[in-house]
C-alpha cells in the first residue's frame, strides 16, 4: 500500500470516527434531526467515493485520484478523446446505487439536510412526504430489511431519526469493508 493510500484511508476513518462520536453525543436525535441526517450523509459521501475508487481497476489511476484528494484537487478522468473531465457526485451515486440499491434515495434525502431546503421545516411538515413514492419505498424497504422498521408506511421525522444510529453503523461497516479492499489494491468484485 502506498503512503498516500494509507493517509487517505486514515483520513476517511478519522472522519467516520468523528461522525460516530457526533451521532453518539446526541442525547435525543429527535431534537437534532437536521444535524443527524447531515452526518449520515457525510458518511455516505465517504462510502460512495471509496466505492468509486474500487471501480477504478488501474491502480495507478486509483492512486492518482487518491493523491488528488490529498492535494485538495477535483477528481478528473480521461475521456475517450483524451481530454479530462470532472468525476461527478451523480456518477459516484449511480455506481453505488447499482451496487447497494438504496444509496441514491438516502443520498438525496441527506442532501436536503446539508443544503438549506424545505426539509429543515420538519417541525411543520414531514419531509418524507415530499419524496417520490419509489424513493420512500426504497428507504422503507431497506430500513425494514436491515434495521427492523419503521413499521408505519409514512413515518414522521422522530421515528426516522430513531433509526439514524443503526443506519449510520451499517454505512460505516460497509465503508470499513471497502477501505480494506482499497488498502489491498483490490477491486469491487474481488473477495478477501
N, C-alpha and C. Protein backbone atom coordinates (compact mmCIF):
# COMPACT_ATOMS: atom_id res chain seq x y z
N UNK A 1 0.84 -1.17 0.00
CA UNK A 1 0.00 0.00 0.00
C UNK A 1 0.89 1.24 0.00
N UNK A 2 0.51 2.20 -0.84
CA UNK A 2 1.31 3.42 -0.90
C UNK A 2 1.06 4.28 0.34
N UNK A 3 2.00 5.17 0.60
CA UNK A 3 1.89 6.07 1.75
C UNK A 3 0.66 6.95 1.64
N UNK A 4 0.36 7.43 0.42
CA UNK A 4 -0.81 8.28 0.22
C UNK A 4 -2.11 7.49 0.37
N UNK A 5 -2.12 6.24 -0.06
CA UNK A 5 -3.31 5.40 0.14
C UNK A 5 -3.56 5.22 1.63
N UNK A 6 -2.49 4.99 2.37
CA UNK A 6 -2.62 4.85 3.82
C UNK A 6 -3.15 6.15 4.43
N UNK A 7 -2.62 7.29 4.01
CA UNK A 7 -3.07 8.58 4.54
C UNK A 7 -4.54 8.81 4.19
N UNK A 8 -4.92 8.46 2.96
CA UNK A 8 -6.31 8.62 2.52
C UNK A 8 -7.24 7.77 3.38
N UNK A 9 -6.90 6.51 3.58
CA UNK A 9 -7.74 5.61 4.38
C UNK A 9 -7.81 6.08 5.83
N UNK A 10 -6.70 6.56 6.36
CA UNK A 10 -6.70 7.12 7.72
C UNK A 10 -7.63 8.33 7.80
N UNK A 11 -7.58 9.18 6.78
CA UNK A 11 -8.42 10.37 6.75
C UNK A 11 -9.90 9.98 6.75
N UNK A 12 -10.26 8.99 5.93
CA UNK A 12 -11.65 8.54 5.86
C UNK A 12 -12.07 7.93 7.20
N UNK A 13 -11.20 7.12 7.79
CA UNK A 13 -11.53 6.51 9.09
C UNK A 13 -11.67 7.58 10.17
N UNK A 14 -10.81 8.58 10.15
CA UNK A 14 -10.92 9.66 11.13
C UNK A 14 -12.25 10.39 10.99
N UNK A 15 -12.64 10.65 9.75
CA UNK A 15 -13.93 11.31 9.51
C UNK A 15 -15.06 10.43 10.04
N UNK A 16 -14.98 9.14 9.76
CA UNK A 16 -16.01 8.22 10.20
C UNK A 16 -16.08 8.16 11.73
N UNK A 17 -14.92 8.12 12.38
CA UNK A 17 -14.89 8.09 13.84
C UNK A 17 -15.48 9.37 14.44
N UNK A 18 -15.18 10.52 13.83
CA UNK A 18 -15.76 11.78 14.31
C UNK A 18 -17.28 11.78 14.10
N UNK A 19 -17.71 11.28 12.95
CA UNK A 19 -19.15 11.20 12.69
C UNK A 19 -19.84 10.29 13.71
N UNK A 20 -19.23 9.16 14.03
CA UNK A 20 -19.79 8.23 15.02
C UNK A 20 -19.90 8.93 16.37
N UNK A 21 -18.84 9.61 16.78
CA UNK A 21 -18.87 10.32 18.08
C UNK A 21 -19.97 11.38 18.09
N UNK A 22 -20.14 12.06 16.97
CA UNK A 22 -21.19 13.09 16.91
C UNK A 22 -22.58 12.46 17.05
N UNK A 23 -22.82 11.38 16.31
CA UNK A 23 -24.12 10.69 16.40
C UNK A 23 -24.35 10.21 17.83
N UNK A 24 -23.33 9.64 18.45
CA UNK A 24 -23.47 9.11 19.81
C UNK A 24 -23.62 10.22 20.84
N UNK A 25 -23.15 11.41 20.53
CA UNK A 25 -23.23 12.51 21.51
C UNK A 25 -24.62 13.14 21.58
N UNK A 26 -25.44 12.88 20.56
CA UNK A 26 -26.80 13.42 20.58
C UNK A 26 -27.64 12.60 21.56
N UNK A 27 -28.11 13.25 22.60
CA UNK A 27 -28.90 12.53 23.61
C UNK A 27 -30.26 12.11 23.05
N UNK A 28 -30.87 12.99 22.31
CA UNK A 28 -32.16 12.70 21.71
C UNK A 28 -32.09 13.15 20.26
N UNK A 29 -32.02 12.20 19.33
CA UNK A 29 -31.88 12.55 17.92
C UNK A 29 -33.06 13.35 17.40
N UNK A 30 -34.24 13.19 18.01
CA UNK A 30 -35.40 13.95 17.56
C UNK A 30 -35.20 15.45 17.75
N UNK A 31 -34.30 15.84 18.64
CA UNK A 31 -34.05 17.27 18.88
C UNK A 31 -32.99 17.84 17.95
N UNK A 32 -32.27 17.00 17.24
CA UNK A 32 -31.22 17.45 16.33
C UNK A 32 -31.31 16.69 15.00
N UNK A 33 -32.49 16.66 14.45
CA UNK A 33 -32.74 15.86 13.25
C UNK A 33 -31.87 16.31 12.08
N UNK A 34 -31.84 17.60 11.80
CA UNK A 34 -31.06 18.08 10.65
C UNK A 34 -29.58 17.73 10.76
N UNK A 35 -28.93 18.02 11.90
CA UNK A 35 -27.51 17.63 12.01
C UNK A 35 -27.31 16.11 11.93
N UNK A 36 -28.22 15.34 12.49
CA UNK A 36 -28.07 13.88 12.45
C UNK A 36 -28.11 13.37 11.01
N UNK A 37 -29.04 13.87 10.21
CA UNK A 37 -29.12 13.44 8.81
C UNK A 37 -27.95 13.98 8.00
N UNK A 38 -27.45 15.15 8.35
CA UNK A 38 -26.27 15.69 7.67
C UNK A 38 -25.05 14.80 7.92
N UNK A 39 -24.90 14.34 9.13
CA UNK A 39 -23.77 13.45 9.47
C UNK A 39 -23.91 12.13 8.73
N UNK A 40 -25.13 11.61 8.67
CA UNK A 40 -25.38 10.38 7.92
C UNK A 40 -24.98 10.56 6.46
N UNK A 41 -25.32 11.69 5.90
CA UNK A 41 -25.00 11.99 4.51
C UNK A 41 -23.48 12.10 4.31
N UNK A 42 -22.75 12.66 5.30
CA UNK A 42 -21.29 12.73 5.21
C UNK A 42 -20.68 11.33 5.15
N UNK A 43 -21.21 10.43 5.97
CA UNK A 43 -20.69 9.06 5.98
C UNK A 43 -20.96 8.39 4.63
N UNK A 44 -22.12 8.64 4.10
CA UNK A 44 -22.47 8.09 2.80
C UNK A 44 -21.58 8.68 1.71
N UNK A 45 -21.24 9.94 1.83
CA UNK A 45 -20.33 10.59 0.87
C UNK A 45 -18.99 9.87 0.85
N UNK A 46 -18.46 9.55 2.01
CA UNK A 46 -17.19 8.80 2.07
C UNK A 46 -17.34 7.45 1.38
N UNK A 47 -18.46 6.77 1.65
CA UNK A 47 -18.64 5.44 1.09
C UNK A 47 -18.74 5.47 -0.43
N UNK A 48 -19.49 6.43 -0.99
CA UNK A 48 -19.63 6.43 -2.45
C UNK A 48 -18.30 6.75 -3.13
N UNK A 49 -17.47 7.56 -2.49
CA UNK A 49 -16.17 7.88 -3.06
C UNK A 49 -15.23 6.66 -3.04
N UNK A 50 -15.27 5.92 -1.95
CA UNK A 50 -14.43 4.73 -1.85
C UNK A 50 -14.92 3.67 -2.83
N UNK A 51 -16.23 3.53 -2.97
CA UNK A 51 -16.76 2.58 -3.97
C UNK A 51 -16.30 2.99 -5.36
N UNK A 52 -16.34 4.27 -5.66
CA UNK A 52 -15.89 4.72 -6.98
C UNK A 52 -14.41 4.35 -7.19
N UNK A 53 -13.60 4.59 -6.17
CA UNK A 53 -12.18 4.23 -6.28
C UNK A 53 -12.01 2.74 -6.55
N UNK A 54 -12.82 1.92 -5.90
CA UNK A 54 -12.73 0.47 -6.12
C UNK A 54 -13.12 0.09 -7.54
N UNK A 55 -13.92 0.91 -8.18
CA UNK A 55 -14.32 0.61 -9.56
C UNK A 55 -13.21 0.93 -10.56
N UNK A 56 -12.21 1.69 -10.12
CA UNK A 56 -11.07 2.03 -10.97
C UNK A 56 -10.08 0.87 -10.88
N UNK A 57 -10.01 0.09 -11.93
CA UNK A 57 -9.19 -1.12 -11.90
C UNK A 57 -7.70 -0.84 -12.09
N UNK A 58 -7.38 0.26 -12.74
CA UNK A 58 -5.99 0.65 -12.92
C UNK A 58 -5.50 1.28 -11.61
N UNK A 59 -4.66 0.56 -10.88
CA UNK A 59 -4.21 1.00 -9.55
C UNK A 59 -3.48 2.34 -9.63
N UNK A 60 -2.72 2.58 -10.68
CA UNK A 60 -2.04 3.87 -10.83
C UNK A 60 -3.06 5.01 -10.94
N UNK A 61 -4.15 4.78 -11.67
CA UNK A 61 -5.19 5.80 -11.79
C UNK A 61 -5.92 5.99 -10.46
N UNK A 62 -6.16 4.90 -9.77
CA UNK A 62 -6.79 4.99 -8.45
C UNK A 62 -5.92 5.83 -7.51
N UNK A 63 -4.63 5.56 -7.53
CA UNK A 63 -3.71 6.31 -6.67
C UNK A 63 -3.65 7.78 -7.07
N UNK A 64 -3.77 8.06 -8.36
CA UNK A 64 -3.79 9.45 -8.83
C UNK A 64 -5.01 10.18 -8.25
N UNK A 65 -6.16 9.50 -8.22
CA UNK A 65 -7.37 10.10 -7.64
C UNK A 65 -7.21 10.31 -6.14
N UNK A 66 -6.62 9.34 -5.47
CA UNK A 66 -6.35 9.47 -4.03
C UNK A 66 -5.42 10.65 -3.79
N UNK A 67 -4.37 10.76 -4.59
CA UNK A 67 -3.44 11.90 -4.47
C UNK A 67 -4.18 13.22 -4.67
N UNK A 68 -5.11 13.24 -5.61
CA UNK A 68 -5.90 14.46 -5.86
C UNK A 68 -6.66 14.87 -4.61
N UNK A 69 -7.23 13.90 -3.91
CA UNK A 69 -7.95 14.22 -2.67
C UNK A 69 -7.00 14.85 -1.66
N UNK A 70 -5.84 14.24 -1.50
CA UNK A 70 -4.88 14.73 -0.51
C UNK A 70 -4.30 16.09 -0.89
N UNK A 71 -4.42 16.45 -2.17
CA UNK A 71 -3.94 17.75 -2.64
C UNK A 71 -5.09 18.75 -2.84
N UNK A 72 -6.27 18.40 -2.35
CA UNK A 72 -7.47 19.24 -2.46
C UNK A 72 -7.82 19.58 -3.91
N UNK A 73 -7.63 18.61 -4.78
CA UNK A 73 -7.97 18.79 -6.19
C UNK A 73 -9.20 17.94 -6.52
N UNK A 74 -9.94 18.38 -7.53
CA UNK A 74 -11.09 17.61 -8.01
C UNK A 74 -10.61 16.34 -8.68
N UNK A 75 -11.42 15.32 -8.59
CA UNK A 75 -11.11 14.09 -9.31
C UNK A 75 -11.41 14.30 -10.78
N UNK A 76 -10.47 13.91 -11.62
CA UNK A 76 -10.63 14.02 -13.06
C UNK A 76 -10.27 12.68 -13.70
N UNK A 77 -11.00 12.37 -14.76
CA UNK A 77 -10.71 11.17 -15.54
C UNK A 77 -10.60 11.56 -17.00
N UNK A 78 -9.85 10.75 -17.71
CA UNK A 78 -9.64 10.99 -19.14
C UNK A 78 -10.85 10.48 -19.93
N UNK A 79 -11.27 11.26 -20.90
CA UNK A 79 -12.38 10.85 -21.77
C UNK A 79 -11.82 10.06 -22.95
N UNK A 80 -12.72 9.54 -23.75
CA UNK A 80 -12.31 8.75 -24.92
C UNK A 80 -11.49 9.57 -25.90
N UNK A 81 -11.74 10.89 -25.96
CA UNK A 81 -10.98 11.73 -26.90
C UNK A 81 -9.70 12.29 -26.29
N UNK A 82 -9.36 11.87 -25.06
CA UNK A 82 -8.10 12.26 -24.45
C UNK A 82 -8.15 13.50 -23.57
N UNK A 83 -9.31 14.16 -23.51
CA UNK A 83 -9.41 15.33 -22.63
C UNK A 83 -9.76 14.87 -21.21
N UNK A 84 -9.77 15.81 -20.29
CA UNK A 84 -10.07 15.49 -18.89
C UNK A 84 -11.45 16.05 -18.53
N UNK A 85 -12.17 15.30 -17.70
CA UNK A 85 -13.45 15.77 -17.18
C UNK A 85 -13.53 15.47 -15.69
N UNK A 86 -14.33 16.25 -14.97
CA UNK A 86 -14.52 16.02 -13.54
C UNK A 86 -15.37 14.77 -13.31
N UNK A 87 -15.04 14.04 -12.26
CA UNK A 87 -15.90 12.96 -11.79
C UNK A 87 -17.00 13.63 -10.98
N UNK A 88 -18.24 13.32 -11.31
CA UNK A 88 -19.36 13.99 -10.63
C UNK A 88 -19.91 13.13 -9.50
N UNK A 89 -20.53 13.81 -8.54
CA UNK A 89 -21.22 13.10 -7.47
C UNK A 89 -22.29 12.19 -8.07
N UNK A 90 -22.95 12.67 -9.10
CA UNK A 90 -24.02 11.90 -9.75
C UNK A 90 -23.51 10.52 -10.20
N UNK A 91 -22.36 10.49 -10.89
CA UNK A 91 -21.88 9.19 -11.36
C UNK A 91 -21.43 8.30 -10.21
N UNK A 92 -20.89 8.90 -9.14
CA UNK A 92 -20.50 8.09 -7.98
C UNK A 92 -21.73 7.51 -7.28
N UNK A 93 -22.77 8.34 -7.15
CA UNK A 93 -24.01 7.87 -6.53
C UNK A 93 -24.65 6.78 -7.40
N UNK A 94 -24.66 6.99 -8.72
CA UNK A 94 -25.25 5.99 -9.61
C UNK A 94 -24.52 4.65 -9.51
N UNK A 95 -23.20 4.68 -9.45
CA UNK A 95 -22.43 3.46 -9.30
C UNK A 95 -22.78 2.76 -7.98
N UNK A 96 -22.82 3.52 -6.89
CA UNK A 96 -23.16 2.95 -5.59
C UNK A 96 -24.59 2.41 -5.58
N UNK A 97 -25.47 3.11 -6.27
CA UNK A 97 -26.86 2.66 -6.35
C UNK A 97 -26.96 1.28 -7.00
N UNK A 98 -26.20 1.08 -8.06
CA UNK A 98 -26.21 -0.22 -8.73
C UNK A 98 -25.71 -1.33 -7.81
N UNK A 99 -24.78 -0.99 -6.93
CA UNK A 99 -24.21 -2.00 -6.03
C UNK A 99 -25.03 -2.18 -4.75
N UNK A 100 -25.52 -1.09 -4.20
CA UNK A 100 -26.19 -1.13 -2.91
C UNK A 100 -27.72 -1.17 -3.02
N UNK A 101 -28.28 -0.50 -4.02
CA UNK A 101 -29.72 -0.49 -4.21
C UNK A 101 -30.48 0.52 -3.39
N UNK A 102 -29.83 1.24 -2.51
CA UNK A 102 -30.50 2.21 -1.65
C UNK A 102 -29.77 3.54 -1.58
N UNK A 103 -28.58 3.60 -2.10
CA UNK A 103 -27.72 4.76 -1.93
C UNK A 103 -28.36 6.05 -2.43
N UNK A 104 -28.94 6.00 -3.61
CA UNK A 104 -29.47 7.21 -4.23
C UNK A 104 -30.54 7.87 -3.36
N UNK A 105 -31.47 7.10 -2.85
CA UNK A 105 -32.56 7.67 -2.04
C UNK A 105 -32.04 8.28 -0.75
N UNK A 106 -31.15 7.56 -0.08
CA UNK A 106 -30.60 8.07 1.18
C UNK A 106 -29.73 9.30 0.91
N UNK A 107 -28.95 9.27 -0.16
CA UNK A 107 -28.09 10.40 -0.52
C UNK A 107 -28.93 11.65 -0.78
N UNK A 108 -29.98 11.49 -1.57
CA UNK A 108 -30.85 12.63 -1.89
C UNK A 108 -31.52 13.17 -0.64
N UNK A 109 -32.01 12.26 0.20
CA UNK A 109 -32.67 12.66 1.44
C UNK A 109 -31.68 13.42 2.33
N UNK A 110 -30.45 12.88 2.44
CA UNK A 110 -29.43 13.54 3.26
C UNK A 110 -28.99 14.87 2.71
N UNK A 111 -28.92 14.99 1.37
CA UNK A 111 -28.52 16.26 0.75
C UNK A 111 -29.48 17.38 1.12
N UNK A 112 -30.75 17.04 1.24
CA UNK A 112 -31.74 18.05 1.58
C UNK A 112 -31.49 18.64 2.97
N UNK A 113 -30.76 17.91 3.81
CA UNK A 113 -30.43 18.42 5.13
C UNK A 113 -29.07 19.11 5.15
N UNK A 114 -28.24 18.86 4.15
CA UNK A 114 -26.95 19.54 4.05
C UNK A 114 -27.20 20.96 3.52
N UNK A 115 -28.02 21.06 2.48
CA UNK A 115 -28.33 22.34 1.85
C UNK A 115 -29.63 22.86 2.45
N UNK A 116 -29.73 24.15 2.60
CA UNK A 116 -30.96 24.73 3.14
C UNK A 116 -32.11 24.40 2.20
N UNK A 117 -33.11 23.76 2.74
CA UNK A 117 -34.25 23.33 1.93
C UNK A 117 -35.50 23.29 2.80
N UNK A 118 -36.63 22.97 2.16
CA UNK A 118 -37.87 22.83 2.91
C UNK A 118 -37.81 21.67 3.90
N UNK A 119 -36.83 20.79 3.77
CA UNK A 119 -36.69 19.69 4.73
C UNK A 119 -36.37 20.21 6.13
N UNK A 120 -35.80 21.42 6.21
CA UNK A 120 -35.50 21.99 7.52
C UNK A 120 -36.75 22.49 8.22
N UNK A 121 -37.87 22.45 7.54
CA UNK A 121 -39.15 22.79 8.14
C UNK A 121 -39.83 21.53 8.68
N UNK A 122 -39.02 20.57 9.12
CA UNK A 122 -39.55 19.28 9.54
C UNK A 122 -40.45 19.37 10.76
N UNK A 123 -40.42 20.48 11.50
CA UNK A 123 -41.34 20.64 12.63
C UNK A 123 -42.74 21.01 12.13
N UNK A 124 -42.82 21.59 10.93
CA UNK A 124 -44.11 22.00 10.38
C UNK A 124 -44.68 21.00 9.39
N UNK A 125 -43.83 20.27 8.71
CA UNK A 125 -44.29 19.26 7.74
C UNK A 125 -43.26 18.15 7.66
N UNK A 126 -43.71 16.97 7.30
CA UNK A 126 -42.85 15.79 7.23
C UNK A 126 -42.13 15.76 5.88
N UNK A 127 -40.80 15.93 5.87
CA UNK A 127 -40.06 15.89 4.60
C UNK A 127 -40.20 14.56 3.86
N UNK A 128 -40.45 13.50 4.59
CA UNK A 128 -40.61 12.18 3.97
C UNK A 128 -41.78 12.21 2.97
N UNK A 129 -42.79 13.05 3.26
CA UNK A 129 -43.94 13.17 2.37
C UNK A 129 -43.58 13.76 1.01
N UNK A 130 -42.50 14.54 0.95
CA UNK A 130 -42.15 15.21 -0.31
C UNK A 130 -41.32 14.32 -1.25
N UNK A 131 -40.93 13.14 -0.78
CA UNK A 131 -40.19 12.22 -1.63
C UNK A 131 -41.13 11.53 -2.61
N UNK A 132 -40.59 11.12 -3.74
CA UNK A 132 -41.37 10.31 -4.67
C UNK A 132 -41.71 9.00 -3.98
N UNK A 133 -42.82 8.41 -4.38
CA UNK A 133 -43.24 7.16 -3.75
C UNK A 133 -42.17 6.08 -3.87
N UNK A 134 -41.51 6.01 -5.03
CA UNK A 134 -40.46 4.99 -5.22
C UNK A 134 -39.29 5.23 -4.26
N UNK A 135 -38.96 6.49 -3.99
CA UNK A 135 -37.88 6.78 -3.05
C UNK A 135 -38.27 6.40 -1.63
N UNK A 136 -39.51 6.72 -1.25
CA UNK A 136 -39.99 6.33 0.09
C UNK A 136 -39.96 4.81 0.23
N UNK A 137 -40.41 4.12 -0.81
CA UNK A 137 -40.42 2.65 -0.77
C UNK A 137 -39.01 2.09 -0.66
N UNK A 138 -38.05 2.69 -1.40
CA UNK A 138 -36.65 2.23 -1.31
C UNK A 138 -36.12 2.38 0.11
N UNK A 139 -36.34 3.54 0.69
CA UNK A 139 -35.84 3.82 2.04
C UNK A 139 -36.52 2.90 3.05
N UNK A 140 -37.84 2.79 2.98
CA UNK A 140 -38.56 1.94 3.93
C UNK A 140 -38.17 0.47 3.79
N UNK A 141 -38.05 0.00 2.56
CA UNK A 141 -37.66 -1.39 2.33
C UNK A 141 -36.30 -1.69 2.94
N UNK A 142 -35.36 -0.81 2.67
CA UNK A 142 -34.00 -1.00 3.19
C UNK A 142 -33.97 -0.95 4.71
N UNK A 143 -34.67 0.04 5.27
CA UNK A 143 -34.69 0.18 6.73
C UNK A 143 -35.37 -1.01 7.40
N UNK A 144 -36.43 -1.49 6.80
CA UNK A 144 -37.12 -2.64 7.37
C UNK A 144 -36.29 -3.90 7.24
N UNK A 145 -35.65 -4.05 6.12
CA UNK A 145 -34.84 -5.23 5.86
C UNK A 145 -33.62 -5.31 6.78
N UNK A 146 -32.95 -4.18 6.99
CA UNK A 146 -31.71 -4.18 7.76
C UNK A 146 -31.85 -3.69 9.20
N UNK A 147 -32.92 -2.93 9.48
CA UNK A 147 -33.00 -2.29 10.80
C UNK A 147 -34.30 -2.55 11.54
N UNK A 148 -35.20 -3.36 10.96
CA UNK A 148 -36.42 -3.75 11.64
C UNK A 148 -37.53 -2.71 11.68
N UNK A 149 -37.46 -1.69 10.91
CA UNK A 149 -38.53 -0.69 10.92
C UNK A 149 -38.14 0.48 10.07
N UNK A 150 -38.96 1.44 9.98
CA UNK A 150 -40.16 1.74 10.76
C UNK A 150 -41.36 0.90 10.33
N UNK A 151 -42.31 0.81 11.23
CA UNK A 151 -43.48 -0.01 10.98
C UNK A 151 -44.50 0.70 10.08
N UNK A 152 -44.63 2.00 10.29
CA UNK A 152 -45.61 2.76 9.51
C UNK A 152 -45.06 3.08 8.13
N UNK A 153 -45.97 3.16 7.14
CA UNK A 153 -45.56 3.49 5.78
C UNK A 153 -45.26 4.97 5.60
N UNK A 154 -45.72 5.78 6.52
CA UNK A 154 -45.44 7.21 6.46
C UNK A 154 -44.90 7.68 7.81
N UNK A 155 -43.67 7.25 8.13
CA UNK A 155 -43.12 7.62 9.45
C UNK A 155 -42.83 9.11 9.53
N UNK A 156 -42.98 9.65 10.74
CA UNK A 156 -42.60 11.05 10.93
C UNK A 156 -41.09 11.12 11.17
N UNK A 157 -40.58 12.32 11.25
CA UNK A 157 -39.13 12.50 11.38
C UNK A 157 -38.59 11.96 12.69
N UNK A 158 -39.38 12.03 13.75
CA UNK A 158 -38.92 11.48 15.03
C UNK A 158 -38.70 9.98 14.92
N UNK A 159 -39.62 9.29 14.23
CA UNK A 159 -39.47 7.85 14.07
C UNK A 159 -38.27 7.53 13.18
N UNK A 160 -38.12 8.26 12.08
CA UNK A 160 -36.96 8.05 11.20
C UNK A 160 -35.66 8.32 11.95
N UNK A 161 -35.64 9.39 12.74
CA UNK A 161 -34.42 9.75 13.47
C UNK A 161 -34.00 8.65 14.45
N UNK A 162 -34.95 7.92 14.97
CA UNK A 162 -34.60 6.87 15.93
C UNK A 162 -33.78 5.75 15.29
N UNK A 163 -33.80 5.67 13.95
CA UNK A 163 -33.03 4.65 13.24
C UNK A 163 -31.67 5.15 12.75
N UNK A 164 -31.40 6.43 12.91
CA UNK A 164 -30.15 7.00 12.41
C UNK A 164 -28.92 6.26 12.94
N UNK A 165 -28.83 5.95 14.23
CA UNK A 165 -27.62 5.23 14.69
C UNK A 165 -27.42 3.88 13.99
N UNK A 166 -28.49 3.15 13.76
CA UNK A 166 -28.37 1.85 13.09
C UNK A 166 -27.97 2.04 11.63
N UNK A 167 -28.58 3.00 10.97
CA UNK A 167 -28.25 3.26 9.57
C UNK A 167 -26.80 3.72 9.46
N UNK A 168 -26.39 4.58 10.38
CA UNK A 168 -25.00 5.05 10.39
C UNK A 168 -24.04 3.86 10.50
N UNK A 169 -24.30 2.97 11.44
CA UNK A 169 -23.40 1.83 11.65
C UNK A 169 -23.35 0.92 10.43
N UNK A 170 -24.46 0.77 9.74
CA UNK A 170 -24.47 -0.05 8.52
C UNK A 170 -23.59 0.59 7.45
N UNK A 171 -23.74 1.89 7.25
CA UNK A 171 -22.91 2.59 6.27
C UNK A 171 -21.44 2.52 6.68
N UNK A 172 -21.17 2.76 7.96
CA UNK A 172 -19.79 2.75 8.46
C UNK A 172 -19.15 1.37 8.31
N UNK A 173 -19.91 0.31 8.55
CA UNK A 173 -19.33 -1.03 8.40
C UNK A 173 -19.07 -1.35 6.93
N UNK A 174 -19.96 -0.94 6.04
CA UNK A 174 -19.70 -1.09 4.60
C UNK A 174 -18.46 -0.31 4.20
N UNK A 175 -18.36 0.90 4.69
CA UNK A 175 -17.22 1.76 4.39
C UNK A 175 -15.92 1.10 4.83
N UNK A 176 -15.90 0.56 6.02
CA UNK A 176 -14.69 -0.10 6.53
C UNK A 176 -14.31 -1.29 5.66
N UNK A 177 -15.29 -2.07 5.25
CA UNK A 177 -15.02 -3.19 4.36
C UNK A 177 -14.37 -2.69 3.07
N UNK A 178 -14.93 -1.65 2.48
CA UNK A 178 -14.40 -1.12 1.22
C UNK A 178 -13.01 -0.50 1.40
N UNK A 179 -12.76 0.12 2.55
CA UNK A 179 -11.43 0.67 2.80
C UNK A 179 -10.38 -0.45 2.84
N UNK A 180 -10.73 -1.56 3.43
CA UNK A 180 -9.79 -2.70 3.46
C UNK A 180 -9.49 -3.18 2.05
N UNK A 181 -10.50 -3.14 1.17
CA UNK A 181 -10.29 -3.51 -0.22
C UNK A 181 -9.31 -2.53 -0.89
N UNK A 182 -9.49 -1.25 -0.61
CA UNK A 182 -8.58 -0.21 -1.16
C UNK A 182 -7.16 -0.47 -0.68
N UNK A 183 -7.00 -0.74 0.61
CA UNK A 183 -5.67 -0.96 1.18
C UNK A 183 -4.98 -2.17 0.56
N UNK A 184 -5.75 -3.14 0.09
CA UNK A 184 -5.18 -4.34 -0.52
C UNK A 184 -5.13 -4.26 -2.04
N UNK A 185 -5.37 -3.07 -2.58
CA UNK A 185 -5.38 -2.86 -4.03
C UNK A 185 -6.34 -3.81 -4.75
N UNK A 186 -7.46 -4.09 -4.11
CA UNK A 186 -8.46 -4.95 -4.71
C UNK A 186 -9.52 -4.09 -5.40
N UNK A 187 -10.37 -4.76 -6.17
CA UNK A 187 -11.46 -4.08 -6.85
C UNK A 187 -12.80 -4.47 -6.24
N UNK A 188 -13.85 -3.99 -6.87
CA UNK A 188 -15.19 -4.24 -6.35
C UNK A 188 -15.59 -5.70 -6.35
N UNK A 189 -15.16 -6.43 -7.33
CA UNK A 189 -15.60 -7.82 -7.46
C UNK A 189 -14.65 -8.84 -6.86
N UNK A 190 -13.68 -8.38 -6.11
CA UNK A 190 -12.69 -9.29 -5.53
C UNK A 190 -12.99 -9.55 -4.06
N UNK A 191 -13.14 -10.81 -3.71
CA UNK A 191 -13.37 -11.18 -2.31
C UNK A 191 -12.04 -11.14 -1.55
N UNK A 192 -12.19 -11.15 -0.24
CA UNK A 192 -10.97 -11.13 0.60
C UNK A 192 -10.31 -12.45 0.66
